[in-house]
Amino acid sequence: MAEPTITVEVVHACAQHIRRSRVSLPDGSTAMQAVVAAGFLPSLPAEVAEPLRLGIFSCRIDADHVLRDGDRVEIYRPLTLDPMASRRRRAGQG
């Protein structure tokens, strides 16, 4: 009997483009295994890869989070602007 598999999508959005990859993994695979299977890890910029920030449908997860069929693993990049500083700047203009 064949081992049960799941299909997940791995997504990384940078400033210039969005990379997507759909991968099939054994049931019980982790988010990190999905990122490795998608082949994104070697091409990620250092500020994204260390530390690796992941999520599923906009909810933060750890790299060892066990995935379910149909999950979308998102690779987050660091914020370029502090949200509090941005809010203060807008409040001062207003």
PDB file of N, CA and C in Angstrom:
ATOM      1  N   MET A   1       0.835  -1.177   0.000  1.00  0.00           N
ATOM      2  CA  MET A   1       0.000   0.000   0.000  1.00  0.00           C
ATOM      3  C   MET A   1       0.883   1.246   0.000  1.00  0.00           C
ATOM      4  N   ALA A   2       0.516   2.231  -0.764  1.00  0.00           N
ATOM      5  CA  ALA A   2       1.303   3.464  -0.883  1.00  0.00           C
ATOM      6  C   ALA A   2       1.181   4.310   0.374  1.00  0.00           C
ATOM      7  N   GLU A   3       2.278   4.988   0.682  1.00  0.00           N
ATOM      8  CA  GLU A   3       2.294   5.889   1.842  1.00  0.00           C
ATOM      9  C   GLU A   3       1.396   7.087   1.570  1.00  0.00           C
ATOM     10  N   PRO A   4       0.565   7.503   2.540  1.00  0.00           N
ATOM     11  CA  PRO A   4      -0.313   8.660   2.318  1.00  0.00           C
ATOM     12  C   PRO A   4       0.511   9.933   2.117  1.00  0.00           C
ATOM     13  N   THR A   5       0.070  10.746   1.184  1.00  0.00           N
ATOM     14  CA  THR A   5       0.778  11.997   0.906  1.00  0.00           C
ATOM     15  C   THR A   5      -0.170  13.184   1.065  1.00  0.00           C
ATOM     16  N   ILE A   6       0.451  14.352   1.233  1.00  0.00           N
ATOM     17  CA  ILE A   6      -0.286  15.610   1.259  1.00  0.00           C
ATOM     18  C   ILE A   6       0.295  16.520   0.189  1.00  0.00           C
ATOM     19  N   THR A   7      -0.500  17.446  -0.287  1.00  0.00           N
ATOM     20  CA  THR A   7      -0.034  18.444  -1.246  1.00  0.00           C
ATOM     21  C   THR A   7      -0.182  19.810  -0.597  1.00  0.00           C
ATOM     22  N   VAL A   8       0.924  20.559  -0.583  1.00  0.00           N
ATOM     23  CA  VAL A   8       0.920  21.900  -0.006  1.00  0.00           C
ATOM     24  C   VAL A   8       1.554  22.863  -0.996  1.00  0.00           C
ATOM     25  N   GLU A   9       1.271  24.141  -0.800  1.00  0.00           N
ATOM     26  CA  GLU A   9       1.867  25.186  -1.623  1.00  0.00           C
ATOM     27  C   GLU A   9       2.836  25.976  -0.757  1.00  0.00           C
ATOM     28  N   VAL A  10       4.006  26.290  -1.301  1.00  0.00           N
ATOM     29  CA  VAL A  10       5.000  27.111  -0.616  1.00  0.00           C
ATOM     30  C   VAL A  10       5.103  28.411  -1.391  1.00  0.00           C
ATOM     31  N   VAL A  11       5.017  29.554  -0.670  1.00  0.00           N
ATOM     32  CA  VAL A  11       4.987  30.871  -1.306  1.00  0.00           C
ATOM     33  C   VAL A  11       6.011  31.785  -0.651  1.00  0.00           C
ATOM     34  N   HIS A  12       6.756  32.514  -1.482  1.00  0.00           N
ATOM     35  CA  HIS A  12       7.652  33.565  -0.992  1.00  0.00           C
ATOM     36  C   HIS A  12       7.465  34.788  -1.886  1.00  0.00           C
ATOM     37  N   ALA A  13       7.106  35.907  -1.276  1.00  0.00           N
ATOM     38  CA  ALA A  13       6.930  37.153  -2.029  1.00  0.00           C
ATOM     39  C   ALA A  13       8.057  38.103  -1.681  1.00  0.00           C
ATOM     40  N   CYS A  14       8.804  38.516  -2.685  1.00  0.00           N
ATOM     41  CA  CYS A  14       9.810  39.555  -2.471  1.00  0.00           C
ATOM     42  C   CYS A  14       9.306  40.817  -3.170  1.00  0.00           C
ATOM     43  N   ALA A  15      10.082  41.858  -3.147  1.00  0.00           N
ATOM     44  CA  ALA A  15       9.633  43.139  -3.695  1.00  0.00           C
ATOM     45  C   ALA A  15       9.375  43.065  -5.207  1.00  0.00           C
ATOM     46  N   GLN A  16      10.112  42.222  -5.921  1.00  0.00           N
ATOM     47  CA  GLN A  16      10.004  42.181  -7.379  1.00  0.00           C
ATOM     48  C   GLN A  16       9.027  41.135  -7.911  1.00  0.00           C
ATOM     49  N   HIS A  17       8.882  40.010  -7.209  1.00  0.00           N
ATOM     50  CA  HIS A  17       8.049  38.935  -7.749  1.00  0.00           C
ATOM     51  C   HIS A  17       7.578  37.997  -6.645  1.00  0.00           C
ATOM     52  N   ILE A  18       6.688  37.094  -7.006  1.00  0.00           N
ATOM     53  CA  ILE A  18       6.176  36.076  -6.096  1.00  0.00           C
ATOM     54  C   ILE A  18       6.575  34.711  -6.637  1.00  0.00           C
ATOM     55  N   ARG A  19       7.147  33.886  -5.760  1.00  0.00           N
ATOM     56  CA  ARG A  19       7.505  32.515  -6.144  1.00  0.00           C
ATOM     57  C   ARG A  19       6.530  31.564  -5.473  1.00  0.00           C
ATOM     58  N   ARG A  20       6.011  30.628  -6.239  1.00  0.00           N
ATOM     59  CA  ARG A  20       5.083  29.619  -5.735  1.00  0.00           C
ATOM     60  C   ARG A  20       5.532  28.252  -6.208  1.00  0.00           C
ATOM     61  N   SER A  21       5.334  27.285  -5.338  1.00  0.00           N
ATOM     62  CA  SER A  21       5.645  25.914  -5.706  1.00  0.00           C
ATOM     63  C   SER A  21       4.684  24.991  -4.987  1.00  0.00           C
ATOM     64  N   ARG A  22       4.109  24.057  -5.713  1.00  0.00           N
ATOM     65  CA  ARG A  22       3.225  23.059  -5.122  1.00  0.00           C
ATOM     66  C   ARG A  22       4.043  21.773  -4.992  1.00  0.00           C
ATOM     67  N   VAL A  23       4.091  21.226  -3.766  1.00  0.00           N
ATOM     68  CA  VAL A  23       4.887  20.022  -3.518  1.00  0.00           C
ATOM     69  C   VAL A  23       4.029  18.946  -2.860  1.00  0.00           C
ATOM     70  N   SER A  24       4.353  17.703  -3.160  1.00  0.00           N
ATOM     71  CA  SER A  24       3.721  16.552  -2.508  1.00  0.00           C
ATOM     72  C   SER A  24       4.720  15.971  -1.520  1.00  0.00           C
ATOM     73  N   LEU A  25       4.246  15.748  -0.301  1.00  0.00           N
ATOM     74  CA  LEU A  25       5.099  15.270   0.781  1.00  0.00           C
ATOM     75  C   LEU A  25       4.411  14.113   1.495  1.00  0.00           C
ATOM     76  N   PRO A  26       5.185  13.304   2.219  1.00  0.00           N
ATOM     77  CA  PRO A  26       4.555  12.258   3.034  1.00  0.00           C
ATOM     78  C   PRO A  26       3.702  12.894   4.132  1.00  0.00           C
ATOM     79  N   ASP A  27       2.613  12.248   4.468  1.00  0.00           N
ATOM     80  CA  ASP A  27       1.762  12.722   5.557  1.00  0.00           C
ATOM     81  C   ASP A  27       2.601  12.818   6.827  1.00  0.00           C
ATOM     82  N   GLY A  28       2.455  13.917   7.578  1.00  0.00           N
ATOM     83  CA  GLY A  28       3.235  14.134   8.793  1.00  0.00           C
ATOM     84  C   GLY A  28       4.459  15.001   8.568  1.00  0.00           C
ATOM     85  N   SER A  29       4.627  15.545   7.360  1.00  0.00           N
ATOM     86  CA  SER A  29       5.773  16.400   7.057  1.00  0.00           C
ATOM     87  C   SER A  29       5.626  17.758   7.732  1.00  0.00           C
ATOM     88  N   THR A  30       6.768  18.424   7.930  1.00  0.00           N
ATOM     89  CA  THR A  30       6.789  19.721   8.599  1.00  0.00           C
ATOM     90  C   THR A  30       6.900  20.859   7.586  1.00  0.00           C
ATOM     91  N   ALA A  31       6.696  22.070   8.083  1.00  0.00           N
ATOM     92  CA  ALA A  31       6.801  23.260   7.236  1.00  0.00           C
ATOM     93  C   ALA A  31       8.209  23.392   6.657  1.00  0.00           C
ATOM     94  N   MET A  32       9.237  23.107   7.454  1.00  0.00           N
ATOM     95  CA  MET A  32      10.612  23.206   6.957  1.00  0.00           C
ATOM     96  C   MET A  32      10.856  22.194   5.842  1.00  0.00           C
ATOM     97  N   GLN A  33      10.311  21.006   5.969  1.00  0.00           N
ATOM     98  CA  GLN A  33      10.466  20.010   4.914  1.00  0.00           C
ATOM     99  C   GLN A  33       9.812  20.477   3.619  1.00  0.00           C
ATOM    100  N   ALA A  34       8.706  21.200   3.728  1.00  0.00           N
ATOM    101  CA  ALA A  34       8.042  21.731   2.535  1.00  0.00           C
ATOM    102  C   ALA A  34       8.893  22.800   1.869  1.00  0.00           C
ATOM    103  N   VAL A  35       9.495  23.677   2.672  1.00  0.00           N
ATOM    104  CA  VAL A  35      10.353  24.736   2.118  1.00  0.00           C
ATOM    105  C   VAL A  35      11.552  24.113   1.416  1.00  0.00           C
ATOM    106  N   VAL A  36      12.154  23.109   2.028  1.00  0.00           N
ATOM    107  CA  VAL A  36      13.301  22.427   1.416  1.00  0.00           C
ATOM    108  C   VAL A  36      12.873  21.725   0.120  1.00  0.00           C
ATOM    109  N   ALA A  37      11.732  21.038   0.145  1.00  0.00           N
ATOM    110  CA  ALA A  37      11.247  20.322  -1.043  1.00  0.00           C
ATOM    111  C   ALA A  37      10.931  21.280  -2.181  1.00  0.00           C
ATOM    112  N   ALA A  38      10.475  22.500  -1.851  1.00  0.00           N
ATOM    113  CA  ALA A  38      10.164  23.484  -2.887  1.00  0.00           C
ATOM    114  C   ALA A  38      11.431  24.053  -3.518  1.00  0.00           C
ATOM    115  N   GLY A  39      12.572  23.908  -2.852  1.00  0.00           N
ATOM    116  CA  GLY A  39      13.841  24.387  -3.402  1.00  0.00           C
ATOM    117  C   GLY A  39      14.083  25.871  -3.189  1.00  0.00           C
ATOM    118  N   PHE A  40      13.350  26.497  -2.283  1.00  0.00           N
ATOM    119  CA  PHE A  40      13.488  27.943  -2.069  1.00  0.00           C
ATOM    120  C   PHE A  40      14.670  28.307  -1.171  1.00  0.00           C
ATOM    121  N   LEU A  41      15.057  27.426  -0.278  1.00  0.00           N
ATOM    122  CA  LEU A  41      16.034  27.757   0.756  1.00  0.00           C
ATOM    123  C   LEU A  41      17.353  28.300   0.219  1.00  0.00           C
ATOM    124  N   PRO A  42      17.982  27.692  -0.788  1.00  0.00           N
ATOM    125  CA  PRO A  42      19.278  28.210  -1.257  1.00  0.00           C
ATOM    126  C   PRO A  42      19.205  29.614  -1.865  1.00  0.00           C
ATOM    127  N   SER A  43      18.050  30.006  -2.399  1.00  0.00           N
ATOM    128  CA  SER A  43      17.962  31.292  -3.084  1.00  0.00           C
ATOM    129  C   SER A  43      17.404  32.416  -2.213  1.00  0.00           C
ATOM    130  N   LEU A  44      17.062  32.119  -0.955  1.00  0.00           N
ATOM    131  CA  LEU A  44      16.517  33.161  -0.081  1.00  0.00           C
ATOM    132  C   LEU A  44      17.621  34.110   0.373  1.00  0.00           C
ATOM    133  N   PRO A  45      17.334  35.415   0.415  1.00  0.00           N
ATOM    134  CA  PRO A  45      18.314  36.360   0.951  1.00  0.00           C
ATOM    135  C   PRO A  45      18.611  36.049   2.418  1.00  0.00           C
ATOM    136  N   ALA A  46      19.791  36.412   2.893  1.00  0.00           N
ATOM    137  CA  ALA A  46      20.219  36.100   4.260  1.00  0.00           C
ATOM    138  C   ALA A  46      19.257  36.651   5.302  1.00  0.00           C
ATOM    139  N   GLU A  47      18.720  37.857   5.081  1.00  0.00           N
ATOM    140  CA  GLU A  47      17.822  38.453   6.073  1.00  0.00           C
ATOM    141  C   GLU A  47      16.479  37.726   6.154  1.00  0.00           C
ATOM    142  N   VAL A  48      16.138  36.951   5.128  1.00  0.00           N
ATOM    143  CA  VAL A  48      14.907  36.161   5.142  1.00  0.00           C
ATOM    144  C   VAL A  48      15.182  34.767   5.711  1.00  0.00           C
ATOM    145  N   ALA A  49      16.314  34.187   5.334  1.00  0.00           N
ATOM    146  CA  ALA A  49      16.625  32.811   5.719  1.00  0.00           C
ATOM    147  C   ALA A  49      17.028  32.666   7.176  1.00  0.00           C
ATOM    148  N   GLU A  50      17.548  33.699   7.778  1.00  0.00           N
ATOM    149  CA  GLU A  50      18.035  33.590   9.157  1.00  0.00           C
ATOM    150  C   GLU A  50      17.544  34.742   9.986  1.00  0.00           C
ATOM    151  N   PRO A  51      16.606  34.625  10.859  1.00  0.00           N
ATOM    152  CA  PRO A  51      15.825  33.416  11.120  1.00  0.00           C
ATOM    153  C   PRO A  51      14.687  33.291  10.120  1.00  0.00           C
ATOM    154  N   LEU A  52      14.337  32.072   9.814  1.00  0.00           N
ATOM    155  CA  LEU A  52      13.254  31.792   8.868  1.00  0.00           C
ATOM    156  C   LEU A  52      11.917  32.006   9.557  1.00  0.00           C
ATOM    157  N   ARG A  53      11.097  32.909   9.005  1.00  0.00           N
ATOM    158  CA  ARG A  53       9.776  33.206   9.556  1.00  0.00           C
ATOM    159  C   ARG A  53       8.731  32.588   8.628  1.00  0.00           C
ATOM    160  N   LEU A  54       7.903  31.705   9.181  1.00  0.00           N
ATOM    161  CA  LEU A  54       6.930  30.977   8.375  1.00  0.00           C
ATOM    162  C   LEU A  54       5.522  31.197   8.899  1.00  0.00           C
ATOM    163  N   GLY A  55       4.560  30.983   8.021  1.00  0.00           N
ATOM    164  CA  GLY A  55       3.160  31.061   8.413  1.00  0.00           C
ATOM    165  C   GLY A  55       2.312  30.196   7.508  1.00  0.00           C
ATOM    166  N   ILE A  56       1.088  29.945   7.957  1.00  0.00           N
ATOM    167  CA  ILE A  56       0.090  29.262   7.135  1.00  0.00           C
ATOM    168  C   ILE A  56      -1.117  30.171   7.095  1.00  0.00           C
ATOM    169  N   PHE A  57      -1.469  30.628   5.905  1.00  0.00           N
ATOM    170  CA  PHE A  57      -2.597  31.531   5.721  1.00  0.00           C
ATOM    171  C   PHE A  57      -2.543  32.692   6.720  1.00  0.00           C
ATOM    172  N   SER A  58      -1.397  33.375   6.806  1.00  0.00           N
ATOM    173  CA  SER A  58      -1.168  34.578   7.616  1.00  0.00           C
ATOM    174  C   SER A  58      -1.087  34.328   9.117  1.00  0.00           C
ATOM    175  N   CYS A  59      -0.982  33.094   9.561  1.00  0.00           N
ATOM    176  CA  CYS A  59      -0.809  32.788  10.990  1.00  0.00           C
ATOM    177  C   CYS A  59       0.588  32.214  11.192  1.00  0.00           C
ATOM    178  N   ARG A  60       1.391  32.856  12.057  1.00  0.00           N
ATOM    179  CA  ARG A  60       2.769  32.418  12.288  1.00  0.00           C
ATOM    180  C   ARG A  60       2.814  30.983  12.806  1.00  0.00           C
ATOM    181  N   ILE A  61       3.818  30.239  12.328  1.00  0.00           N
ATOM    182  CA  ILE A  61       4.047  28.866  12.776  1.00  0.00           C
ATOM    183  C   ILE A  61       5.537  28.659  12.963  1.00  0.00           C
ATOM    184  N   ASP A  62       5.888  27.588  13.674  1.00  0.00           N
ATOM    185  CA  ASP A  62       7.281  27.179  13.800  1.00  0.00           C
ATOM    186  C   ASP A  62       7.648  26.289  12.623  1.00  0.00           C
ATOM    187  N   ALA A  63       8.955  26.158  12.390  1.00  0.00           N
ATOM    188  CA  ALA A  63       9.427  25.335  11.268  1.00  0.00           C
ATOM    189  C   ALA A  63       9.054  23.864  11.442  1.00  0.00           C
ATOM    190  N   ASP A  64       8.850  23.420  12.677  1.00  0.00           N
ATOM    191  CA  ASP A  64       8.524  22.017  12.913  1.00  0.00           C
ATOM    192  C   ASP A  64       7.016  21.752  12.969  1.00  0.00           C
ATOM    193  N   HIS A  65       6.216  22.725  12.550  1.00  0.00           N
ATOM    194  CA  HIS A  65       4.761  22.577  12.514  1.00  0.00           C
ATOM    195  C   HIS A  65       4.388  21.496  11.497  1.00  0.00           C
ATOM    196  N   VAL A  66       3.557  20.542  11.914  1.00  0.00           N
ATOM    197  CA  VAL A  66       3.125  19.456  11.025  1.00  0.00           C
ATOM    198  C   VAL A  66       2.013  19.975  10.114  1.00  0.00           C
ATOM    199  N   LEU A  67       2.192  19.754   8.825  1.00  0.00           N
ATOM    200  CA  LEU A  67       1.274  20.286   7.816  1.00  0.00           C
ATOM    201  C   LEU A  67       0.104  19.351   7.549  1.00  0.00           C
ATOM    202  N   ARG A  68      -0.963  19.942   7.026  1.00  0.00           N
ATOM    203  CA  ARG A  68      -2.131  19.189   6.574  1.00  0.00           C
ATOM    204  C   ARG A  68      -2.287  19.405   5.078  1.00  0.00           C
ATOM    205  N   ASP A  69      -2.998  18.523   4.441  1.00  0.00           N
ATOM    206  CA  ASP A  69      -3.230  18.621   3.004  1.00  0.00           C
ATOM    207  C   ASP A  69      -3.916  19.955   2.682  1.00  0.00           C
ATOM    208  N   GLY A  70      -3.389  20.679   1.692  1.00  0.00           N
ATOM    209  CA  GLY A  70      -3.983  21.940   1.257  1.00  0.00           C
ATOM    210  C   GLY A  70      -3.422  23.177   1.934  1.00  0.00           C
ATOM    211  N   ASP A  71      -2.512  23.019   2.912  1.00  0.00           N
ATOM    212  CA  ASP A  71      -1.922  24.186   3.574  1.00  0.00           C
ATOM    213  C   ASP A  71      -1.094  25.008   2.586  1.00  0.00           C
ATOM    214  N   ARG A  72      -0.998  26.308   2.863  1.00  0.00           N
ATOM    215  CA  ARG A  72      -0.126  27.200   2.092  1.00  0.00           C
ATOM    216  C   ARG A  72       0.928  27.725   3.052  1.00  0.00           C
ATOM    217  N   VAL A  73       2.156  27.268   2.892  1.00  0.00           N
ATOM    218  CA  VAL A  73       3.267  27.702   3.740  1.00  0.00           C
ATOM    219  C   VAL A  73       3.820  28.992   3.150  1.00  0.00           C
ATOM    220  N   GLU A  74       3.813  30.052   3.959  1.00  0.00           N
ATOM    221  CA  GLU A  74       4.289  31.357   3.517  1.00  0.00           C
ATOM    222  C   GLU A  74       5.626  31.659   4.182  1.00  0.00           C
ATOM    223  N   ILE A  75       6.574  32.138   3.387  1.00  0.00           N
ATOM    224  CA  ILE A  75       7.877  32.561   3.905  1.00  0.00           C
ATOM    225  C   ILE A  75       7.838  34.069   3.998  1.00  0.00           C
ATOM    226  N   TYR A  76       7.970  34.583   5.233  1.00  0.00           N
ATOM    227  CA  TYR A  76       7.850  36.017   5.457  1.00  0.00           C
ATOM    228  C   TYR A  76       9.208  36.707   5.395  1.00  0.00           C
ATOM    229  N   ARG A  77       9.217  37.919   4.891  1.00  0.00           N
ATOM    230  CA  ARG A  77      10.431  38.735   4.901  1.00  0.00           C
ATOM    231  C   ARG A  77      10.321  39.732   6.057  1.00  0.00           C
ATOM    232  N   PRO A  78      11.456  40.270   6.500  1.00  0.00           N
ATOM    233  CA  PRO A  78      11.402  41.225   7.609  1.00  0.00           C
ATOM    234  C   PRO A  78      10.698  42.516   7.185  1.00  0.00           C
ATOM    235  N   LEU A  79      10.104  43.193   8.153  1.00  0.00           N
ATOM    236  CA  LEU A  79       9.453  44.472   7.870  1.00  0.00           C
ATOM    237  C   LEU A  79      10.505  45.502   7.488  1.00  0.00           C
ATOM    238  N   THR A  80      10.196  46.318   6.507  1.00  0.00           N
ATOM    239  CA  THR A  80      11.130  47.370   6.102  1.00  0.00           C
ATOM    240  C   THR A  80      10.870  48.663   6.853  1.00  0.00           C
ATOM    241  N   LEU A  81       9.714  48.759   7.496  1.00  0.00           N
ATOM    242  CA  LEU A  81       9.336  49.957   8.228  1.00  0.00           C
ATOM    243  C   LEU A  81       8.670  49.548   9.532  1.00  0.00           C
ATOM    244  N   ASP A  82       9.064  50.175  10.620  1.00  0.00           N
ATOM    245  CA  ASP A  82       8.467  49.890  11.916  1.00  0.00           C
ATOM    246  C   ASP A  82       7.027  50.399  11.919  1.00  0.00           C
ATOM    247  N   PRO A  83       6.042  49.534  12.190  1.00  0.00           N
ATOM    248  CA  PRO A  83       4.640  49.957  12.147  1.00  0.00           C
ATOM    249  C   PRO A  83       4.320  51.088  13.126  1.00  0.00           C
ATOM    250  N   MET A  84       4.932  51.069  14.299  1.00  0.00           N
ATOM    251  CA  MET A  84       4.679  52.136  15.277  1.00  0.00           C
ATOM    252  C   MET A  84       5.236  53.468  14.794  1.00  0.00           C
ATOM    253  N   ALA A  85       6.412  53.465  14.207  1.00  0.00           N
ATOM    254  CA  ALA A  85       6.998  54.697  13.682  1.00  0.00           C
ATOM    255  C   ALA A  85       6.143  55.233  12.544  1.00  0.00           C
ATOM    256  N   SER A  86       5.638  54.354  11.706  1.00  0.00           N
ATOM    257  CA  SER A  86       4.781  54.776  10.608  1.00  0.00           C
ATOM    258  C   SER A  86       3.491  55.416  11.138  1.00  0.00           C
ATOM    259  N   ARG A  87       2.910  54.802  12.153  1.00  0.00           N
ATOM    260  CA  ARG A  87       1.674  55.335  12.742  1.00  0.00           C
ATOM    261  C   ARG A  87       1.927  56.715  13.375  1.00  0.00           C
ATOM    262  N   ARG A  88       3.034  56.857  14.073  1.00  0.00           N
ATOM    263  CA  ARG A  88       3.376  58.163  14.672  1.00  0.00           C
ATOM    264  C   ARG A  88       3.545  59.236  13.607  1.00  0.00           C
ATOM    265  N   ARG A  89       4.198  58.865  12.515  1.00  0.00           N
ATOM    266  CA  ARG A  89       4.424  59.819  11.433  1.00  0.00           C
ATOM    267  C   ARG A  89       3.085  60.254  10.808  1.00  0.00           C
ATOM    268  N   ARG A  90       2.190  59.302  10.586  1.00  0.00           N
ATOM    269  CA  ARG A  90       0.878  59.646  10.031  1.00  0.00           C
ATOM    270  C   ARG A  90       0.063  60.493  10.994  1.00  0.00           C
ATOM    271  N   ALA A  91       0.126  60.212  12.287  1.00  0.00           N
ATOM    272  CA  ALA A  91      -0.611  60.975  13.286  1.00  0.00           C
ATOM    273  C   ALA A  91      -0.098  62.409  13.360  1.00  0.00           C
ATOM    274  N   GLY A  92       1.184  62.589  13.170  1.00  0.00           N
ATOM    275  CA  GLY A  92       1.757  63.929  13.198  1.00  0.00           C
ATOM    276  C   GLY A  92       1.363  64.763  11.993  1.00  0.00           C
ATOM    277  N   GLN A  93       1.059  64.110  10.870  1.00  0.00           N
ATOM    278  CA  GLN A  93       0.671  64.820   9.653  1.00  0.00           C
ATOM    279  C   GLN A  93      -0.796  65.223   9.681  1.00  0.00           C
ATOM    280  N   GLY A  94      -1.581  64.531  10.489  1.00  0.00           N
ATOM    281  CA  GLY A  94      -2.967  64.606  10.379  1.00  0.00           C
ATOM    282  C   GLY A  94      -3.820  65.598  10.959  1.00  0.00           C
TER     283      GLY A  94
END
